[in-house]
Amino acid sequence: MDDMGLPERSGGPVTRSRISRDLGALGLGDGDVVMFHTRMSAIGYVAGGPQTVIGALQDVVGARGTLMVTCGWNDAPPYDFVTWPQDRQDALRAEHPAYDPVLSEADHDNGRLPEALRRLPGAVRSRHPDVSFAALGAVAAELTADHPWDDPHGPGSPLARLVAHGGRVLLLGAPLDTMTLLHHAEALAEAPGKRFVDYEQPILVEGRRVWRRFHDIDSEHGAFDYSTVVPEGRDPFEVIVRDMLISGIGRRGVVGAADCHLFEAAEVVGFAIDWIESKLSGQGGGRGIRPPWSRRG
């Protein structure tokens, strides 16, 4: 990777202690349960790379805290392989390796940090092949256990448990549209035209490779058609998060050279459900199913 210019932009190398100080100033603290999304290049030249970032996060949340990332599966079979000629489908079904939470690489599109975290001693990863999450810390097992096979962004998912644990979301130099928690809001929102996908992937059942069918919201192309409420060329999640920030939800700060944001997970989900329902169907406000608001200031 070309790091030319990064030290100058970030005022020198970004060290573990510097990241820890900046995260503390942003509002992250001891005992926090935090899901984070990172763009390493935005931080500057990080001395030590992903392990430095993870170490700094651990320093701040401490032994009582927990870190969580979205992983996915980099080598998952494509959703549309069932439309291939039969001989090609048969070849894929016969030999495509099963998803293995320990061995299967995290989706490279999610950056370097998810793969680095899931490999650390003590980290645990959820069982869902397409929507896996990894966590490290005090409540890691509780966040990732028994990930629902169907509706994996909805009730009982690691995202739902993040909210239940009073969790937070940290965008560590990552764009606003990377906030995976908004898929949980989509799964819960009640608005016309919600879109779903069905697909097949191989998993391990008692050590045996089995192809299983899954059902989920369409997280790839959008669970809803936002074209009537989001300007052309804008990402719906980016628009929702910007509106969230305008409303006063979330904190902003700088870590290294990166513009960063810290949110309360319950506030994110509550705001996003109301946004989706009010914009798409006029149902927003007071449905009574939103998670309780966090008591953090």
C-alpha atoms as a PDB file:
ATOM      1  CA  MET A   1       0.000   0.000   0.000  1.00  0.00           C
ATOM      2  CA  ASP A   2       1.279   3.484  -0.828  1.00  0.00           C
ATOM      3  CA  ASP A   3       1.616   5.426   2.434  1.00  0.00           C
ATOM      4  CA  MET A   4       3.261   8.480   0.845  1.00  0.00           C
ATOM      5  CA  GLY A   5       1.890  11.617   2.441  1.00  0.00           C
ATOM      6  CA  LEU A   6      -0.011   9.873   5.245  1.00  0.00           C
ATOM      7  CA  PRO A   7       2.407  10.819   8.079  1.00  0.00           C
ATOM      8  CA  GLU A   8       2.334  14.475   7.036  1.00  0.00           C
ATOM      9  CA  ARG A   9      -1.455  14.565   6.790  1.00  0.00           C
ATOM     10  CA  SER A  10      -1.863  13.064  10.262  1.00  0.00           C
ATOM     11  CA  GLY A  11       0.890  15.118  11.897  1.00  0.00           C
ATOM     12  CA  GLY A  12       3.280  12.180  12.129  1.00  0.00           C
ATOM     13  CA  PRO A  13       2.707   8.502  12.844  1.00  0.00           C
ATOM     14  CA  VAL A  14      -0.605   7.653  14.503  1.00  0.00           C
ATOM     15  CA  THR A  15       0.279   5.496  17.486  1.00  0.00           C
ATOM     16  CA  ARG A  16      -1.776   3.287  19.789  1.00  0.00           C
ATOM     17  CA  SER A  17      -1.652   5.802  22.632  1.00  0.00           C
ATOM     18  CA  ARG A  18      -2.687   8.642  20.335  1.00  0.00           C
ATOM     19  CA  ILE A  19      -5.658   6.688  19.014  1.00  0.00           C
ATOM     20  CA  SER A  20      -6.669   5.813  22.579  1.00  0.00           C
ATOM     21  CA  ARG A  21      -6.562   9.473  23.642  1.00  0.00           C
ATOM     22  CA  ASP A  22      -8.562  10.567  20.619  1.00  0.00           C
ATOM     23  CA  LEU A  23     -11.181   7.857  21.171  1.00  0.00           C
ATOM     24  CA  GLY A  24     -11.537   8.903  24.794  1.00  0.00           C
ATOM     25  CA  ALA A  25     -12.026  12.513  23.751  1.00  0.00           C
ATOM     26  CA  LEU A  26     -14.709  11.382  21.290  1.00  0.00           C
ATOM     27  CA  GLY A  27     -16.610   9.765  24.168  1.00  0.00           C
ATOM     28  CA  LEU A  28     -15.776   6.069  24.004  1.00  0.00           C
ATOM     29  CA  GLY A  29     -15.189   4.663  27.462  1.00  0.00           C
ATOM     30  CA  ASP A  30     -14.568   1.754  29.785  1.00  0.00           C
ATOM     31  CA  GLY A  31     -17.104  -1.065  29.524  1.00  0.00           C
ATOM     32  CA  ASP A  32     -18.531   0.079  26.195  1.00  0.00           C
ATOM     33  CA  VAL A  33     -19.913  -2.455  23.734  1.00  0.00           C
ATOM     34  CA  VAL A  34     -19.069  -0.952  20.363  1.00  0.00           C
ATOM     35  CA  MET A  35     -19.448  -1.991  16.760  1.00  0.00           C
ATOM     36  CA  PHE A  36     -16.885  -0.187  14.639  1.00  0.00           C
ATOM     37  CA  HIS A  37     -16.303   0.516  10.952  1.00  0.00           C
ATOM     38  CA  THR A  38     -12.875   1.746   9.901  1.00  0.00           C
ATOM     39  CA  ARG A  39     -11.186   3.384   6.929  1.00  0.00           C
ATOM     40  CA  MET A  40      -7.512   3.024   7.782  1.00  0.00           C
ATOM     41  CA  SER A  41      -6.269   5.489   5.175  1.00  0.00           C
ATOM     42  CA  ALA A  42      -8.424   8.264   6.654  1.00  0.00           C
ATOM     43  CA  ILE A  43      -6.674   7.950  10.032  1.00  0.00           C
ATOM     44  CA  GLY A  44      -3.255   8.553   8.499  1.00  0.00           C
ATOM     45  CA  TYR A  45      -0.127   6.467   8.856  1.00  0.00           C
ATOM     46  CA  VAL A  46      -1.090   4.041  11.634  1.00  0.00           C
ATOM     47  CA  ALA A  47       2.083   2.646  13.170  1.00  0.00           C
ATOM     48  CA  GLY A  48       1.417  -1.092  13.296  1.00  0.00           C
ATOM     49  CA  GLY A  49      -1.742  -1.162  11.190  1.00  0.00           C
ATOM     50  CA  PRO A  50      -4.929  -3.004  12.222  1.00  0.00           C
ATOM     51  CA  GLN A  51      -3.451  -4.474  15.415  1.00  0.00           C
ATOM     52  CA  THR A  52      -2.668  -0.962  16.624  1.00  0.00           C
ATOM     53  CA  VAL A  53      -6.236   0.194  16.019  1.00  0.00           C
ATOM     54  CA  ILE A  54      -7.736  -2.861  17.727  1.00  0.00           C
ATOM     55  CA  GLY A  55      -5.297  -2.544  20.627  1.00  0.00           C
ATOM     56  CA  ALA A  56      -6.239   1.098  21.124  1.00  0.00           C
ATOM     57  CA  LEU A  57      -9.945   0.237  21.115  1.00  0.00           C
ATOM     58  CA  GLN A  58      -9.293  -2.477  23.705  1.00  0.00           C
ATOM     59  CA  ASP A  59      -7.350  -0.019  25.838  1.00  0.00           C
ATOM     60  CA  VAL A  60     -10.336   2.332  25.894  1.00  0.00           C
ATOM     61  CA  VAL A  61     -13.203  -0.136  26.452  1.00  0.00           C
ATOM     62  CA  GLY A  62     -11.166  -2.237  28.869  1.00  0.00           C
ATOM     63  CA  ALA A  63     -11.739  -5.783  30.076  1.00  0.00           C
ATOM     64  CA  ARG A  64     -15.454  -5.106  30.662  1.00  0.00           C
ATOM     65  CA  GLY A  65     -15.963  -3.849  27.126  1.00  0.00           C
ATOM     66  CA  THR A  66     -16.551  -5.609  23.803  1.00  0.00           C
ATOM     67  CA  LEU A  67     -15.640  -4.882  20.189  1.00  0.00           C
ATOM     68  CA  MET A  68     -17.794  -6.039  17.275  1.00  0.00           C
ATOM     69  CA  VAL A  69     -17.356  -5.957  13.490  1.00  0.00           C
ATOM     70  CA  THR A  70     -19.325  -7.088  10.468  1.00  0.00           C
ATOM     71  CA  CYS A  71     -17.527  -9.848   8.574  1.00  0.00           C
ATOM     72  CA  GLY A  72     -19.654 -11.548   5.929  1.00  0.00           C
ATOM     73  CA  TRP A  73     -17.902 -14.188   3.841  1.00  0.00           C
ATOM     74  CA  ASN A  74     -15.494 -13.179   1.092  1.00  0.00           C
ATOM     75  CA  ASP A  75     -15.790 -16.430  -0.874  1.00  0.00           C
ATOM     76  CA  ALA A  76     -19.519 -17.044  -0.603  1.00  0.00           C
ATOM     77  CA  PRO A  77     -21.140 -18.447  -3.747  1.00  0.00           C
ATOM     78  CA  PRO A  78     -23.006 -15.798  -5.747  1.00  0.00           C
ATOM     79  CA  TYR A  79     -26.729 -15.456  -5.099  1.00  0.00           C
ATOM     80  CA  ASP A  80     -27.512 -16.048  -8.773  1.00  0.00           C
ATOM     81  CA  PHE A  81     -25.588 -19.288  -9.287  1.00  0.00           C
ATOM     82  CA  VAL A  82     -28.966 -21.072  -9.415  1.00  0.00           C
ATOM     83  CA  THR A  83     -29.518 -19.400 -12.812  1.00  0.00           C
ATOM     84  CA  TRP A  84     -26.338 -20.903 -14.287  1.00  0.00           C
ATOM     85  CA  PRO A  85     -26.448 -23.855 -16.683  1.00  0.00           C
ATOM     86  CA  GLN A  86     -27.176 -27.038 -14.742  1.00  0.00           C
ATOM     87  CA  ASP A  87     -23.709 -28.561 -15.216  1.00  0.00           C
ATOM     88  CA  ARG A  88     -22.085 -25.477 -13.680  1.00  0.00           C
ATOM     89  CA  GLN A  89     -24.522 -25.477 -10.784  1.00  0.00           C
ATOM     90  CA  ASP A  90     -23.766 -29.142 -10.178  1.00  0.00           C
ATOM     91  CA  ALA A  91     -20.014 -28.527 -10.181  1.00  0.00           C
ATOM     92  CA  LEU A  92     -20.360 -25.699  -7.665  1.00  0.00           C
ATOM     93  CA  ARG A  93     -22.659 -27.681  -5.391  1.00  0.00           C
ATOM     94  CA  ALA A  94     -20.351 -30.680  -5.488  1.00  0.00           C
ATOM     95  CA  GLU A  95     -17.188 -28.918  -4.376  1.00  0.00           C
ATOM     96  CA  HIS A  96     -17.744 -25.407  -3.013  1.00  0.00           C
ATOM     97  CA  PRO A  97     -16.321 -25.385   0.543  1.00  0.00           C
ATOM     98  CA  ALA A  98     -18.734 -24.831   3.404  1.00  0.00           C
ATOM     99  CA  TYR A  99     -18.670 -21.644   5.441  1.00  0.00           C
ATOM    100  CA  ASP A 100     -16.447 -22.132   8.475  1.00  0.00           C
ATOM    101  CA  PRO A 101     -16.547 -19.382  11.139  1.00  0.00           C
ATOM    102  CA  VAL A 102     -12.916 -20.104  11.995  1.00  0.00           C
ATOM    103  CA  LEU A 103     -11.407 -20.437   8.517  1.00  0.00           C
ATOM    104  CA  SER A 104     -13.586 -18.482   6.069  1.00  0.00           C
ATOM    105  CA  GLU A 105     -12.201 -15.022   5.321  1.00  0.00           C
ATOM    106  CA  ALA A 106     -14.217 -11.915   6.102  1.00  0.00           C
ATOM    107  CA  ASP A 107     -15.470  -9.984   3.084  1.00  0.00           C
ATOM    108  CA  HIS A 108     -12.567  -7.915   1.777  1.00  0.00           C
ATOM    109  CA  ASP A 109     -14.990  -5.081   0.987  1.00  0.00           C
ATOM    110  CA  ASN A 110     -15.326  -4.537   4.745  1.00  0.00           C
ATOM    111  CA  GLY A 111     -11.657  -3.550   5.014  1.00  0.00           C
ATOM    112  CA  ARG A 112      -8.752  -5.034   6.957  1.00  0.00           C
ATOM    113  CA  LEU A 113     -10.051  -4.677  10.505  1.00  0.00           C
ATOM    114  CA  PRO A 114     -12.792  -7.370  10.514  1.00  0.00           C
ATOM    115  CA  GLU A 115     -10.389 -10.054   9.303  1.00  0.00           C
ATOM    116  CA  ALA A 116      -7.763  -8.920  11.807  1.00  0.00           C
ATOM    117  CA  LEU A 117     -10.181  -8.930  14.737  1.00  0.00           C
ATOM    118  CA  ARG A 118     -11.796 -12.284  13.998  1.00  0.00           C
ATOM    119  CA  ARG A 119      -8.354 -13.955  13.981  1.00  0.00           C
ATOM    120  CA  LEU A 120      -7.405 -12.746  17.451  1.00  0.00           C
ATOM    121  CA  PRO A 121      -7.370 -15.186  20.377  1.00  0.00           C
ATOM    122  CA  GLY A 122     -10.697 -15.072  22.170  1.00  0.00           C
ATOM    123  CA  ALA A 123     -12.646 -13.648  19.238  1.00  0.00           C
ATOM    124  CA  VAL A 124     -15.897 -15.388  18.286  1.00  0.00           C
ATOM    125  CA  ARG A 125     -17.787 -15.254  15.008  1.00  0.00           C
ATOM    126  CA  SER A 126     -21.465 -15.879  14.363  1.00  0.00           C
ATOM    127  CA  ARG A 127     -22.649 -18.903  12.417  1.00  0.00           C
ATOM    128  CA  HIS A 128     -24.459 -17.180   9.534  1.00  0.00           C
ATOM    129  CA  PRO A 129     -22.467 -17.570   6.306  1.00  0.00           C
ATOM    130  CA  ASP A 130     -23.626 -14.445   4.503  1.00  0.00           C
ATOM    131  CA  VAL A 131     -24.098 -12.015   7.394  1.00  0.00           C
ATOM    132  CA  SER A 132     -21.545 -13.113   9.990  1.00  0.00           C
ATOM    133  CA  PHE A 133     -20.310 -10.817  12.741  1.00  0.00           C
ATOM    134  CA  ALA A 134     -17.255 -11.216  14.966  1.00  0.00           C
ATOM    135  CA  ALA A 135     -16.762  -9.931  18.489  1.00  0.00           C
ATOM    136  CA  LEU A 136     -14.027  -9.802  21.093  1.00  0.00           C
ATOM    137  CA  GLY A 137     -14.513  -9.056  24.759  1.00  0.00           C
ATOM    138  CA  ALA A 138     -16.755  -9.557  27.756  1.00  0.00           C
ATOM    139  CA  VAL A 139     -20.073 -10.164  25.959  1.00  0.00           C
ATOM    140  CA  ALA A 140     -18.712 -11.406  22.623  1.00  0.00           C
ATOM    141  CA  ALA A 141     -20.328 -14.837  22.947  1.00  0.00           C
ATOM    142  CA  GLU A 142     -23.697 -13.320  23.860  1.00  0.00           C
ATOM    143  CA  LEU A 143     -23.649 -11.006  20.845  1.00  0.00           C
ATOM    144  CA  THR A 144     -22.850 -13.727  18.318  1.00  0.00           C
ATOM    145  CA  ALA A 145     -24.548 -16.889  19.647  1.00  0.00           C
ATOM    146  CA  ASP A 146     -27.339 -18.597  17.675  1.00  0.00           C
ATOM    147  CA  HIS A 147     -27.411 -16.058  14.856  1.00  0.00           C
ATOM    148  CA  PRO A 148     -30.812 -16.636  13.178  1.00  0.00           C
ATOM    149  CA  TRP A 149     -30.537 -18.417   9.831  1.00  0.00           C
ATOM    150  CA  ASP A 150     -33.442 -16.427   8.374  1.00  0.00           C
ATOM    151  CA  ASP A 151     -33.983 -12.694   8.917  1.00  0.00           C
ATOM    152  CA  PRO A 152     -30.352 -12.466  10.114  1.00  0.00           C
ATOM    153  CA  HIS A 153     -30.517  -8.668  10.452  1.00  0.00           C
ATOM    154  CA  GLY A 154     -33.693  -8.774  12.536  1.00  0.00           C
ATOM    155  CA  PRO A 155     -34.741  -9.883  16.033  1.00  0.00           C
ATOM    156  CA  GLY A 156     -32.214 -12.112  17.782  1.00  0.00           C
ATOM    157  CA  SER A 157     -29.397 -11.038  15.465  1.00  0.00           C
ATOM    158  CA  PRO A 158     -26.048  -9.693  16.681  1.00  0.00           C
ATOM    159  CA  LEU A 159     -27.332  -6.250  15.680  1.00  0.00           C
ATOM    160  CA  ALA A 160     -30.413  -6.648  17.873  1.00  0.00           C
ATOM    161  CA  ARG A 161     -28.219  -7.803  20.740  1.00  0.00           C
ATOM    162  CA  LEU A 162     -25.902  -4.834  20.272  1.00  0.00           C
ATOM    163  CA  VAL A 163     -28.912  -2.605  20.900  1.00  0.00           C
ATOM    164  CA  ALA A 164     -30.075  -4.724  23.852  1.00  0.00           C
ATOM    165  CA  HIS A 165     -26.642  -4.398  25.473  1.00  0.00           C
ATOM    166  CA  GLY A 166     -26.738  -0.605  25.247  1.00  0.00           C
ATOM    167  CA  GLY A 167     -24.147  -0.736  22.494  1.00  0.00           C
ATOM    168  CA  ARG A 168     -22.643   2.000  20.391  1.00  0.00           C
ATOM    169  CA  VAL A 169     -21.509   2.415  16.785  1.00  0.00           C
ATOM    170  CA  LEU A 170     -18.174   3.999  15.897  1.00  0.00           C
ATOM    171  CA  LEU A 171     -17.382   5.238  12.396  1.00  0.00           C
ATOM    172  CA  LEU A 172     -13.608   5.449  12.612  1.00  0.00           C
ATOM    173  CA  GLY A 173     -12.882   7.418   9.481  1.00  0.00           C
ATOM    174  CA  ALA A 174     -15.475   5.306   7.656  1.00  0.00           C
ATOM    175  CA  PRO A 175     -18.098   6.910   5.406  1.00  0.00           C
ATOM    176  CA  LEU A 176     -21.578   7.431   6.834  1.00  0.00           C
ATOM    177  CA  ASP A 177     -23.070   4.899   4.423  1.00  0.00           C
ATOM    178  CA  THR A 178     -21.103   2.035   6.006  1.00  0.00           C
ATOM    179  CA  MET A 179     -23.354   1.873   9.085  1.00  0.00           C
ATOM    180  CA  THR A 180     -24.472  -1.772   9.011  1.00  0.00           C
ATOM    181  CA  LEU A 181     -26.834  -1.235  11.951  1.00  0.00           C
ATOM    182  CA  LEU A 182     -29.258   0.486   9.568  1.00  0.00           C
ATOM    183  CA  HIS A 183     -30.015  -2.951   8.094  1.00  0.00           C
ATOM    184  CA  HIS A 184     -31.485  -3.834  11.488  1.00  0.00           C
ATOM    185  CA  ALA A 185     -33.768  -0.802  11.229  1.00  0.00           C
ATOM    186  CA  GLU A 186     -34.789  -1.917   7.739  1.00  0.00           C
ATOM    187  CA  ALA A 187     -35.583  -5.389   9.044  1.00  0.00           C
ATOM    188  CA  LEU A 188     -37.856  -3.918  11.732  1.00  0.00           C
ATOM    189  CA  ALA A 189     -39.459  -1.085   9.749  1.00  0.00           C
ATOM    190  CA  GLU A 190     -42.975  -1.491   8.404  1.00  0.00           C
ATOM    191  CA  ALA A 191     -43.320   0.236   5.057  1.00  0.00           C
ATOM    192  CA  PRO A 192     -44.699  -0.777   1.642  1.00  0.00           C
ATOM    193  CA  GLY A 193     -42.571  -2.631  -0.845  1.00  0.00           C
ATOM    194  CA  LYS A 194     -40.020  -4.215   1.461  1.00  0.00           C
ATOM    195  CA  ARG A 195     -37.723  -6.362  -0.661  1.00  0.00           C
ATOM    196  CA  PHE A 196     -36.382  -9.783   0.251  1.00  0.00           C
ATOM    197  CA  VAL A 197     -33.923 -12.287  -1.179  1.00  0.00           C
ATOM    198  CA  ASP A 198     -33.681 -16.071  -0.996  1.00  0.00           C
ATOM    199  CA  TYR A 199     -30.358 -17.756  -1.640  1.00  0.00           C
ATOM    200  CA  GLU A 200     -28.409 -20.937  -0.963  1.00  0.00           C
ATOM    201  CA  GLN A 201     -25.037 -21.369   0.710  1.00  0.00           C
ATOM    202  CA  PRO A 202     -23.135 -24.359   2.130  1.00  0.00           C
ATOM    203  CA  ILE A 203     -22.675 -24.658   5.884  1.00  0.00           C
ATOM    204  CA  LEU A 204     -21.314 -27.297   8.249  1.00  0.00           C
ATOM    205  CA  VAL A 205     -23.857 -29.384  10.167  1.00  0.00           C
ATOM    206  CA  GLU A 206     -22.203 -31.775  12.632  1.00  0.00           C
ATOM    207  CA  GLY A 207     -19.082 -31.665  10.498  1.00  0.00           C
ATOM    208  CA  ARG A 208     -20.920 -32.388   7.251  1.00  0.00           C
ATOM    209  CA  ARG A 209     -21.263 -29.924   4.368  1.00  0.00           C
ATOM    210  CA  VAL A 210     -24.934 -29.099   3.735  1.00  0.00           C
ATOM    211  CA  TRP A 211     -26.499 -26.629   1.322  1.00  0.00           C
ATOM    212  CA  ARG A 212     -29.081 -24.499   3.117  1.00  0.00           C
ATOM    213  CA  ARG A 213     -31.615 -21.979   1.842  1.00  0.00           C
ATOM    214  CA  PHE A 214     -31.722 -18.540   3.528  1.00  0.00           C
ATOM    215  CA  HIS A 215     -34.267 -15.699   3.578  1.00  0.00           C
ATOM    216  CA  ASP A 216     -33.379 -12.068   4.333  1.00  0.00           C
ATOM    217  CA  ILE A 217     -34.091  -8.462   3.442  1.00  0.00           C
ATOM    218  CA  ASP A 218     -32.282  -7.401   0.285  1.00  0.00           C
ATOM    219  CA  SER A 219     -29.279  -5.771   1.937  1.00  0.00           C
ATOM    220  CA  GLU A 220     -27.310  -5.683  -1.319  1.00  0.00           C
ATOM    221  CA  HIS A 221     -29.683  -3.635  -3.488  1.00  0.00           C
ATOM    222  CA  GLY A 222     -31.759  -2.095  -0.708  1.00  0.00           C
ATOM    223  CA  ALA A 223     -34.579  -3.407   1.444  1.00  0.00           C
ATOM    224  CA  PHE A 224     -36.741  -0.535   0.159  1.00  0.00           C
ATOM    225  CA  ASP A 225     -36.957   1.588  -2.956  1.00  0.00           C
ATOM    226  CA  TYR A 226     -35.638   4.909  -1.681  1.00  0.00           C
ATOM    227  CA  SER A 227     -35.636   6.609  -5.094  1.00  0.00           C
ATOM    228  CA  THR A 228     -38.647   8.798  -4.298  1.00  0.00           C
ATOM    229  CA  VAL A 229     -37.093  10.237  -1.122  1.00  0.00           C
ATOM    230  CA  VAL A 230     -33.331  10.161  -1.770  1.00  0.00           C
ATOM    231  CA  PRO A 231     -31.769  12.380  -4.473  1.00  0.00           C
ATOM    232  CA  GLU A 232     -30.282  10.560  -7.445  1.00  0.00           C
ATOM    233  CA  GLY A 233     -26.664   9.631  -6.872  1.00  0.00           C
ATOM    234  CA  ARG A 234     -26.930   9.728  -3.072  1.00  0.00           C
ATOM    235  CA  ASP A 235     -26.719   6.633  -0.888  1.00  0.00           C
ATOM    236  CA  PRO A 236     -29.846   6.160   1.294  1.00  0.00           C
ATOM    237  CA  PHE A 237     -27.825   5.207   4.370  1.00  0.00           C
ATOM    238  CA  GLU A 238     -25.637   8.304   4.006  1.00  0.00           C
ATOM    239  CA  VAL A 239     -28.772  10.464   3.788  1.00  0.00           C
ATOM    240  CA  ILE A 240     -30.332   8.830   6.862  1.00  0.00           C
ATOM    241  CA  VAL A 241     -27.180   9.255   8.936  1.00  0.00           C
ATOM    242  CA  ARG A 242     -26.762  12.895   7.872  1.00  0.00           C
ATOM    243  CA  ASP A 243     -30.348  13.585   8.919  1.00  0.00           C
ATOM    244  CA  MET A 244     -29.572  11.797  12.183  1.00  0.00           C
ATOM    245  CA  LEU A 245     -26.608  14.080  12.828  1.00  0.00           C
ATOM    246  CA  ILE A 246     -28.662  17.176  11.963  1.00  0.00           C
ATOM    247  CA  SER A 247     -31.252  16.070  14.532  1.00  0.00           C
ATOM    248  CA  GLY A 248     -28.563  16.013  17.231  1.00  0.00           C
ATOM    249  CA  ILE A 249     -27.925  12.276  17.395  1.00  0.00           C
ATOM    250  CA  GLY A 250     -24.266  11.261  17.459  1.00  0.00           C
ATOM    251  CA  ARG A 251     -20.951  12.800  18.423  1.00  0.00           C
ATOM    252  CA  ARG A 252     -18.238  13.985  16.079  1.00  0.00           C
ATOM    253  CA  GLY A 253     -14.491  14.072  16.667  1.00  0.00           C
ATOM    254  CA  VAL A 254     -11.096  13.427  15.120  1.00  0.00           C
ATOM    255  CA  VAL A 255      -8.965  10.319  15.558  1.00  0.00           C
ATOM    256  CA  GLY A 256      -5.570  10.755  13.979  1.00  0.00           C
ATOM    257  CA  ALA A 257      -6.512  12.630  10.818  1.00  0.00           C
ATOM    258  CA  ALA A 258      -9.919  10.951  10.474  1.00  0.00           C
ATOM    259  CA  ASP A 259     -13.305  12.580  10.849  1.00  0.00           C
ATOM    260  CA  CYS A 260     -15.136  10.148  13.166  1.00  0.00           C
ATOM    261  CA  HIS A 261     -18.617   9.685  14.620  1.00  0.00           C
ATOM    262  CA  LEU A 262     -19.914   7.860  17.682  1.00  0.00           C
ATOM    263  CA  PHE A 263     -23.579   6.882  18.017  1.00  0.00           C
ATOM    264  CA  GLU A 264     -25.813   5.132  20.531  1.00  0.00           C
ATOM    265  CA  ALA A 265     -27.156   2.033  18.782  1.00  0.00           C
ATOM    266  CA  ALA A 266     -30.682   2.366  20.193  1.00  0.00           C
ATOM    267  CA  GLU A 267     -30.934   5.958  19.006  1.00  0.00           C
ATOM    268  CA  VAL A 268     -29.762   4.975  15.531  1.00  0.00           C
ATOM    269  CA  VAL A 269     -32.361   2.237  15.184  1.00  0.00           C
ATOM    270  CA  GLY A 270     -35.206   4.314  16.600  1.00  0.00           C
ATOM    271  CA  PHE A 271     -34.445   7.280  14.350  1.00  0.00           C
ATOM    272  CA  ALA A 272     -33.974   5.124  11.243  1.00  0.00           C
ATOM    273  CA  ILE A 273     -37.224   3.193  11.737  1.00  0.00           C
ATOM    274  CA  ASP A 274     -39.164   6.449  12.040  1.00  0.00           C
ATOM    275  CA  TRP A 275     -37.310   7.932   9.051  1.00  0.00           C
ATOM    276  CA  ILE A 276     -38.070   4.942   6.826  1.00  0.00           C
ATOM    277  CA  GLU A 277     -41.708   4.683   7.860  1.00  0.00           C
ATOM    278  CA  SER A 278     -42.446   8.411   7.724  1.00  0.00           C
ATOM    279  CA  LYS A 279     -40.718   8.908   4.380  1.00  0.00           C
ATOM    280  CA  LEU A 280     -42.034   5.776   2.665  1.00  0.00           C
ATOM    281  CA  SER A 281     -45.489   5.324   4.172  1.00  0.00           C
ATOM    282  CA  GLY A 282     -46.298   8.128   6.576  1.00  0.00           C
ATOM    283  CA  GLN A 283     -46.441   5.727   9.530  1.00  0.00           C
ATOM    284  CA  GLY A 284     -43.650   7.209  11.625  1.00  0.00           C
ATOM    285  CA  GLY A 285     -43.848   7.873  15.321  1.00  0.00           C
ATOM    286  CA  GLY A 286     -45.019   5.940  18.310  1.00  0.00           C
ATOM    287  CA  ARG A 287     -45.369   2.370  17.063  1.00  0.00           C
ATOM    288  CA  GLY A 288     -43.981   1.196  20.376  1.00  0.00           C
ATOM    289  CA  ILE A 289     -41.495  -1.358  19.002  1.00  0.00           C
ATOM    290  CA  ARG A 290     -38.413   0.872  18.971  1.00  0.00           C
ATOM    291  CA  PRO A 291     -35.608  -0.110  21.308  1.00  0.00           C
ATOM    292  CA  PRO A 292     -35.368   1.955  24.524  1.00  0.00           C
ATOM    293  CA  TRP A 293     -33.254   5.075  24.234  1.00  0.00           C
ATOM    294  CA  SER A 294     -29.804   4.928  25.747  1.00  0.00           C
ATOM    295  CA  ARG A 295     -29.304   6.886  28.951  1.00  0.00           C
ATOM    296  CA  ARG A 296     -25.918   8.164  27.856  1.00  0.00           C
ATOM    297  CA  GLY A 297     -25.750  11.889  27.355  1.00  0.00           C
END
